[in-house]
């Protein structure tokens, strides 16, 4: 049985007012053009940014917690696919122009041939990646 992919990923953020515009503007050039609101299980609002076959949900944190550590149990990073290397480069420039922390790239990485990515952090320090991998010949 074949998987059809990831339907959605929800992220908890410290400030919807700060993170919603960041993610909306970051994701639009990657094809995320739909936005909808859904009520969560605790009555909170979840904002879904819909893209090609998947969505990213953002919800406001409801409890205090220690600083985020991507090496503890939980999400290490989220990789988002770009249509081309040019889109990776353009998004990296957009991130720089907004003062976002870029960990590395954009550059080609050794993971698989042609793997081209930029790694960076969202306003809460969550590690994100925008990657382009050329289609492999069958």
N, C-alpha and C. Protein backbone atom coordinates (compact mmCIF):
# COMPACT_ATOMS: atom_id res chain seq x y z
N UNK A 1 0.84 -1.18 0.00
CA UNK A 1 0.00 0.00 0.00
C UNK A 1 0.89 1.25 0.00
N UNK A 2 0.58 2.18 -0.87
CA UNK A 2 1.39 3.38 -1.03
C UNK A 2 0.81 4.53 -0.22
N UNK A 3 1.68 5.27 0.47
CA UNK A 3 1.26 6.46 1.20
C UNK A 3 1.05 7.59 0.21
N UNK A 4 0.09 8.44 0.51
CA UNK A 4 -0.14 9.59 -0.36
C UNK A 4 0.56 10.84 0.17
N UNK A 5 1.30 10.72 1.27
CA UNK A 5 2.06 11.84 1.77
C UNK A 5 1.55 12.34 3.11
N UNK A 6 2.15 13.42 3.58
CA UNK A 6 1.77 14.03 4.84
C UNK A 6 0.60 14.98 4.59
N UNK A 7 -0.47 14.82 5.33
CA UNK A 7 -1.66 15.67 5.16
C UNK A 7 -1.45 17.04 5.78
N UNK A 8 -0.97 17.08 7.04
CA UNK A 8 -0.70 18.35 7.69
C UNK A 8 0.25 18.15 8.86
N UNK A 9 0.86 19.24 9.27
CA UNK A 9 1.72 19.29 10.44
C UNK A 9 1.29 20.52 11.23
N UNK A 10 1.04 20.35 12.53
CA UNK A 10 0.69 21.48 13.40
C UNK A 10 1.91 21.89 14.23
N UNK A 11 2.16 23.17 14.29
CA UNK A 11 3.24 23.71 15.10
C UNK A 11 2.65 24.61 16.18
N UNK A 12 3.19 24.52 17.37
CA UNK A 12 2.78 25.40 18.47
C UNK A 12 3.79 26.55 18.53
N UNK A 13 3.27 27.77 18.53
CA UNK A 13 4.12 28.96 18.51
C UNK A 13 3.83 29.83 19.73
N UNK A 14 4.80 30.65 20.11
CA UNK A 14 4.61 31.49 21.29
C UNK A 14 3.75 32.71 20.99
N UNK A 15 3.70 33.14 19.73
CA UNK A 15 2.93 34.34 19.37
C UNK A 15 2.35 34.17 17.96
N UNK A 16 1.04 34.01 17.89
CA UNK A 16 0.37 33.94 16.58
C UNK A 16 0.58 35.25 15.83
N UNK A 17 0.53 36.37 16.54
CA UNK A 17 0.68 37.68 15.89
C UNK A 17 2.02 37.81 15.18
N UNK A 18 3.05 37.18 15.70
CA UNK A 18 4.37 37.22 15.09
C UNK A 18 4.55 36.10 14.07
N UNK A 19 4.10 34.90 14.40
CA UNK A 19 4.39 33.74 13.57
C UNK A 19 3.48 33.59 12.35
N UNK A 20 2.22 33.97 12.46
CA UNK A 20 1.32 33.82 11.31
C UNK A 20 1.80 34.62 10.10
N UNK A 21 2.15 35.91 10.25
CA UNK A 21 2.67 36.62 9.08
C UNK A 21 3.99 36.04 8.56
N UNK A 22 4.87 35.59 9.47
CA UNK A 22 6.14 34.99 9.05
C UNK A 22 5.88 33.76 8.17
N UNK A 23 5.07 32.84 8.64
CA UNK A 23 4.81 31.62 7.88
C UNK A 23 3.99 31.89 6.62
N UNK A 24 3.02 32.79 6.69
CA UNK A 24 2.22 33.12 5.50
C UNK A 24 3.12 33.64 4.40
N UNK A 25 4.00 34.58 4.73
CA UNK A 25 4.88 35.18 3.73
C UNK A 25 5.98 34.22 3.29
N UNK A 26 6.49 33.40 4.21
CA UNK A 26 7.51 32.41 3.87
C UNK A 26 6.97 31.37 2.89
N UNK A 27 5.76 30.90 3.14
CA UNK A 27 5.23 29.74 2.41
C UNK A 27 4.52 30.09 1.10
N UNK A 28 4.07 31.31 0.92
CA UNK A 28 3.33 31.67 -0.30
C UNK A 28 4.10 31.32 -1.57
N UNK A 29 5.39 31.65 -1.70
CA UNK A 29 6.11 31.29 -2.92
C UNK A 29 6.32 29.78 -3.10
N UNK A 30 6.02 29.00 -2.06
CA UNK A 30 6.12 27.54 -2.16
C UNK A 30 4.77 26.92 -2.51
N UNK A 31 3.78 27.75 -2.78
CA UNK A 31 2.47 27.26 -3.20
C UNK A 31 1.43 27.17 -2.10
N UNK A 32 1.72 27.70 -0.92
CA UNK A 32 0.77 27.69 0.19
C UNK A 32 -0.07 28.97 0.11
N UNK A 33 -1.23 28.88 -0.55
CA UNK A 33 -2.04 30.06 -0.80
C UNK A 33 -3.35 30.09 -0.03
N UNK A 34 -3.76 28.97 0.54
CA UNK A 34 -5.03 28.92 1.27
C UNK A 34 -4.78 29.13 2.76
N UNK A 35 -5.69 29.83 3.42
CA UNK A 35 -5.63 29.96 4.88
C UNK A 35 -7.02 29.73 5.42
N UNK A 36 -7.10 28.92 6.45
CA UNK A 36 -8.39 28.65 7.07
C UNK A 36 -8.20 28.55 8.58
N UNK A 37 -9.30 28.71 9.29
CA UNK A 37 -9.28 28.62 10.74
C UNK A 37 -10.13 27.44 11.16
N UNK A 38 -9.62 26.68 12.14
CA UNK A 38 -10.31 25.52 12.67
C UNK A 38 -10.25 25.61 14.18
N UNK A 39 -11.30 25.15 14.86
CA UNK A 39 -11.28 25.11 16.32
C UNK A 39 -10.57 23.85 16.79
N UNK A 40 -9.59 24.01 17.66
CA UNK A 40 -8.84 22.89 18.21
C UNK A 40 -9.58 22.21 19.35
N UNK A 41 -8.98 21.15 19.85
CA UNK A 41 -9.62 20.34 20.89
C UNK A 41 -9.80 21.08 22.22
N UNK A 42 -9.07 22.15 22.44
CA UNK A 42 -9.22 22.96 23.67
C UNK A 42 -9.95 24.27 23.40
N UNK A 43 -10.55 24.39 22.22
CA UNK A 43 -11.27 25.61 21.87
C UNK A 43 -10.39 26.67 21.25
N UNK A 44 -9.10 26.39 21.10
CA UNK A 44 -8.17 27.35 20.51
C UNK A 44 -8.35 27.39 18.99
N UNK A 45 -7.91 28.48 18.40
CA UNK A 45 -7.96 28.60 16.93
C UNK A 45 -6.66 28.04 16.36
N UNK A 46 -6.80 27.24 15.33
CA UNK A 46 -5.65 26.74 14.56
C UNK A 46 -5.75 27.38 13.18
N UNK A 47 -4.69 28.03 12.75
CA UNK A 47 -4.66 28.62 11.41
C UNK A 47 -3.91 27.66 10.51
N UNK A 48 -4.59 27.18 9.45
CA UNK A 48 -3.97 26.27 8.50
C UNK A 48 -3.61 27.02 7.23
N UNK A 49 -2.33 26.90 6.87
CA UNK A 49 -1.83 27.44 5.61
C UNK A 49 -1.74 26.27 4.66
N UNK A 50 -2.63 26.26 3.66
CA UNK A 50 -2.74 25.11 2.75
C UNK A 50 -1.86 25.26 1.54
N UNK A 51 -1.14 24.17 1.24
CA UNK A 51 -0.25 24.15 0.09
C UNK A 51 -0.53 22.97 -0.80
N UNK A 52 0.43 22.64 -1.64
CA UNK A 52 0.24 21.54 -2.58
C UNK A 52 0.22 20.19 -1.87
N UNK A 53 -0.99 19.72 -1.54
CA UNK A 53 -1.15 18.40 -0.94
C UNK A 53 -0.95 18.33 0.55
N UNK A 54 -0.64 19.44 1.20
CA UNK A 54 -0.41 19.42 2.65
C UNK A 54 -0.75 20.79 3.24
N UNK A 55 -0.75 20.85 4.55
CA UNK A 55 -1.00 22.12 5.23
C UNK A 55 -0.11 22.20 6.47
N UNK A 56 0.21 23.44 6.84
CA UNK A 56 0.95 23.72 8.06
C UNK A 56 -0.02 24.45 8.99
N UNK A 57 -0.25 23.88 10.17
CA UNK A 57 -1.13 24.49 11.15
C UNK A 57 -0.32 25.22 12.21
N UNK A 58 -0.81 26.39 12.61
CA UNK A 58 -0.18 27.17 13.67
C UNK A 58 -1.18 27.37 14.79
N UNK A 59 -0.75 27.10 16.00
CA UNK A 59 -1.60 27.34 17.17
C UNK A 59 -0.78 27.97 18.27
N UNK A 60 -1.45 28.84 19.04
CA UNK A 60 -0.81 29.55 20.14
C UNK A 60 -0.51 28.58 21.28
N UNK A 61 0.68 28.70 21.87
CA UNK A 61 1.04 27.90 23.04
C UNK A 61 0.06 28.19 24.16
N UNK A 62 -0.30 27.15 24.91
CA UNK A 62 -1.24 27.31 26.02
C UNK A 62 -0.60 27.02 27.37
N UNK A 63 0.67 26.70 27.36
CA UNK A 63 1.36 26.46 28.63
C UNK A 63 2.80 26.91 28.51
N UNK A 64 3.38 27.22 29.64
CA UNK A 64 4.80 27.57 29.68
C UNK A 64 5.60 26.28 29.63
N UNK A 65 6.67 26.30 28.93
CA UNK A 65 7.52 25.12 28.85
C UNK A 65 8.97 25.57 28.76
N UNK A 66 9.89 24.64 29.00
CA UNK A 66 11.31 25.02 28.86
C UNK A 66 11.62 25.40 27.42
N UNK A 67 12.77 25.97 27.21
CA UNK A 67 13.19 26.36 25.87
C UNK A 67 13.16 25.15 24.94
N UNK A 68 12.83 25.39 23.69
CA UNK A 68 12.76 24.34 22.69
C UNK A 68 14.14 23.72 22.47
N UNK A 69 14.19 22.40 22.43
CA UNK A 69 15.44 21.68 22.18
C UNK A 69 15.15 20.62 21.13
N UNK A 70 15.64 20.83 19.92
CA UNK A 70 15.32 19.90 18.85
C UNK A 70 15.98 18.53 19.03
N UNK A 71 16.85 18.39 20.02
CA UNK A 71 17.46 17.09 20.28
C UNK A 71 16.78 16.34 21.42
N UNK A 72 15.69 16.89 21.95
CA UNK A 72 14.88 16.12 22.89
C UNK A 72 13.73 15.51 22.07
N UNK A 73 12.90 14.72 22.69
CA UNK A 73 11.80 14.06 21.98
C UNK A 73 10.92 15.14 21.34
N UNK A 74 10.61 14.96 20.08
CA UNK A 74 9.78 15.92 19.35
C UNK A 74 10.34 16.16 17.97
N UNK A 75 9.91 17.22 17.36
CA UNK A 75 10.31 17.57 16.00
C UNK A 75 11.74 18.09 15.97
N UNK A 76 12.58 17.50 15.13
CA UNK A 76 13.95 18.02 14.94
C UNK A 76 13.92 19.21 13.98
N UNK A 77 13.36 19.00 12.79
CA UNK A 77 13.15 20.10 11.86
C UNK A 77 12.11 19.72 10.83
N UNK A 78 11.59 20.72 10.15
CA UNK A 78 10.58 20.53 9.12
C UNK A 78 11.17 20.99 7.79
N UNK A 79 11.18 20.10 6.80
CA UNK A 79 11.71 20.42 5.47
C UNK A 79 10.55 20.65 4.51
N UNK A 80 10.61 21.75 3.79
CA UNK A 80 9.59 22.12 2.82
C UNK A 80 10.21 22.12 1.43
N UNK A 81 9.52 21.50 0.49
CA UNK A 81 10.06 21.35 -0.86
C UNK A 81 9.82 22.59 -1.71
N UNK A 82 10.85 22.99 -2.44
CA UNK A 82 10.76 24.11 -3.38
C UNK A 82 10.77 23.56 -4.80
N UNK A 83 10.19 24.33 -5.72
CA UNK A 83 10.09 23.93 -7.11
C UNK A 83 11.43 23.98 -7.84
N UNK A 84 12.35 24.80 -7.33
CA UNK A 84 13.62 24.97 -8.03
C UNK A 84 14.67 25.50 -7.06
N UNK A 85 15.93 25.46 -7.49
CA UNK A 85 17.00 26.08 -6.71
C UNK A 85 16.78 27.58 -6.59
N UNK A 86 16.26 28.16 -7.64
CA UNK A 86 15.98 29.60 -7.62
C UNK A 86 15.03 29.99 -6.51
N UNK A 87 14.03 29.17 -6.25
CA UNK A 87 13.10 29.44 -5.16
C UNK A 87 13.82 29.33 -3.82
N UNK A 88 14.70 28.34 -3.67
CA UNK A 88 15.49 28.21 -2.44
C UNK A 88 16.32 29.48 -2.23
N UNK A 89 16.98 29.94 -3.28
CA UNK A 89 17.79 31.16 -3.19
C UNK A 89 16.94 32.38 -2.84
N UNK A 90 15.79 32.50 -3.50
CA UNK A 90 14.92 33.66 -3.26
C UNK A 90 14.41 33.66 -1.83
N UNK A 91 14.03 32.50 -1.31
CA UNK A 91 13.54 32.41 0.07
C UNK A 91 14.67 32.72 1.06
N UNK A 92 15.89 32.30 0.75
CA UNK A 92 17.03 32.62 1.62
C UNK A 92 17.23 34.13 1.67
N UNK A 93 17.14 34.80 0.54
CA UNK A 93 17.26 36.26 0.51
C UNK A 93 16.13 36.91 1.30
N UNK A 94 14.91 36.39 1.15
CA UNK A 94 13.77 36.91 1.91
C UNK A 94 14.03 36.78 3.40
N UNK A 95 14.53 35.62 3.83
CA UNK A 95 14.84 35.39 5.24
C UNK A 95 15.89 36.39 5.75
N UNK A 96 16.95 36.56 4.97
CA UNK A 96 18.00 37.51 5.35
C UNK A 96 17.45 38.93 5.48
N UNK A 97 16.58 39.31 4.55
CA UNK A 97 16.03 40.67 4.58
C UNK A 97 15.16 40.91 5.80
N UNK A 98 14.68 39.87 6.43
CA UNK A 98 13.86 39.99 7.63
C UNK A 98 14.62 39.68 8.91
N UNK A 99 15.91 39.46 8.78
CA UNK A 99 16.74 39.22 9.95
C UNK A 99 16.60 37.84 10.56
N UNK A 100 16.05 36.89 9.81
CA UNK A 100 15.92 35.52 10.31
C UNK A 100 17.30 34.89 10.46
N UNK A 101 17.45 34.02 11.43
CA UNK A 101 18.72 33.32 11.62
C UNK A 101 18.83 32.17 10.64
N UNK A 102 19.84 32.21 9.79
CA UNK A 102 20.11 31.13 8.84
C UNK A 102 21.23 30.28 9.41
N UNK A 103 20.97 29.00 9.53
CA UNK A 103 21.98 28.07 10.05
C UNK A 103 23.03 27.77 8.98
N UNK A 104 22.58 27.46 7.76
CA UNK A 104 23.52 27.19 6.67
C UNK A 104 22.79 27.23 5.33
N UNK A 105 23.59 27.46 4.29
CA UNK A 105 23.07 27.48 2.94
C UNK A 105 22.61 28.87 2.54
N UNK A 106 22.03 28.93 1.35
CA UNK A 106 21.73 27.77 0.51
C UNK A 106 23.00 27.21 -0.15
N UNK A 107 23.01 25.91 -0.21
CA UNK A 107 24.11 25.20 -0.84
C UNK A 107 23.70 23.77 -1.12
N UNK A 108 24.57 23.07 -1.84
CA UNK A 108 24.33 21.66 -2.13
C UNK A 108 24.89 20.82 -0.99
N UNK A 109 24.09 19.87 -0.53
CA UNK A 109 24.49 18.98 0.56
C UNK A 109 24.66 17.56 0.03
N UNK A 110 25.40 16.75 0.75
CA UNK A 110 25.80 15.42 0.30
C UNK A 110 24.73 14.35 0.47
N UNK A 111 23.56 14.67 1.02
CA UNK A 111 22.56 13.66 1.36
C UNK A 111 22.20 12.78 0.16
N UNK A 112 21.87 13.41 -0.96
CA UNK A 112 21.64 12.72 -2.23
C UNK A 112 22.08 13.68 -3.33
N UNK A 113 22.38 13.18 -4.52
CA UNK A 113 22.83 14.07 -5.60
C UNK A 113 21.82 15.19 -5.89
N UNK A 114 22.33 16.40 -5.95
CA UNK A 114 21.50 17.56 -6.29
C UNK A 114 20.71 18.15 -5.14
N UNK A 115 20.90 17.66 -3.91
CA UNK A 115 20.16 18.15 -2.74
C UNK A 115 20.63 19.57 -2.43
N UNK A 116 19.76 20.55 -2.64
CA UNK A 116 20.09 21.96 -2.49
C UNK A 116 19.14 22.59 -1.48
N UNK A 117 19.67 23.16 -0.41
CA UNK A 117 18.80 23.60 0.67
C UNK A 117 19.36 24.78 1.44
N UNK A 118 18.45 25.41 2.17
CA UNK A 118 18.80 26.41 3.18
C UNK A 118 18.15 25.97 4.48
N UNK A 119 18.91 26.02 5.58
CA UNK A 119 18.41 25.68 6.91
C UNK A 119 18.34 26.97 7.72
N UNK A 120 17.24 27.16 8.45
CA UNK A 120 17.04 28.41 9.18
C UNK A 120 16.09 28.17 10.36
N UNK A 121 15.83 29.24 11.12
CA UNK A 121 15.00 29.14 12.31
C UNK A 121 13.81 30.09 12.22
N UNK A 122 12.66 29.62 12.71
CA UNK A 122 11.47 30.47 12.75
C UNK A 122 11.58 31.41 13.96
N UNK A 123 10.60 32.29 14.18
CA UNK A 123 10.70 33.24 15.30
C UNK A 123 10.82 32.59 16.68
N UNK A 124 10.39 31.33 16.83
CA UNK A 124 10.50 30.63 18.11
C UNK A 124 11.73 29.73 18.20
N UNK A 125 12.55 29.72 17.16
CA UNK A 125 13.74 28.88 17.18
C UNK A 125 13.53 27.48 16.63
N UNK A 126 12.37 27.21 16.02
CA UNK A 126 12.15 25.92 15.38
C UNK A 126 12.97 25.86 14.09
N UNK A 127 13.68 24.76 13.90
CA UNK A 127 14.52 24.62 12.72
C UNK A 127 13.66 24.23 11.52
N UNK A 128 13.84 24.97 10.44
CA UNK A 128 13.14 24.72 9.19
C UNK A 128 14.15 24.60 8.07
N UNK A 129 13.69 24.01 6.96
CA UNK A 129 14.54 23.83 5.78
C UNK A 129 13.68 24.03 4.55
N UNK A 130 14.23 24.68 3.56
CA UNK A 130 13.62 24.71 2.23
C UNK A 130 14.59 24.01 1.31
N UNK A 131 14.10 22.98 0.60
CA UNK A 131 14.96 22.11 -0.17
C UNK A 131 14.42 21.91 -1.58
N UNK A 132 15.35 21.80 -2.51
CA UNK A 132 15.01 21.38 -3.87
C UNK A 132 15.87 20.16 -4.20
N UNK A 133 15.22 19.10 -4.64
CA UNK A 133 15.92 17.90 -5.11
C UNK A 133 15.40 17.61 -6.51
N UNK A 134 16.30 17.56 -7.50
CA UNK A 134 15.83 17.27 -8.86
C UNK A 134 15.24 15.88 -8.95
N UNK A 135 14.27 15.71 -9.83
CA UNK A 135 13.69 14.38 -10.05
C UNK A 135 14.77 13.44 -10.53
N UNK A 136 14.79 12.28 -9.95
CA UNK A 136 15.79 11.28 -10.35
C UNK A 136 15.28 10.47 -11.53
N UNK A 137 16.15 10.20 -12.47
CA UNK A 137 15.76 9.40 -13.63
C UNK A 137 15.46 7.97 -13.17
N UNK A 138 14.42 7.41 -13.71
CA UNK A 138 14.02 6.04 -13.33
C UNK A 138 14.91 5.01 -13.97
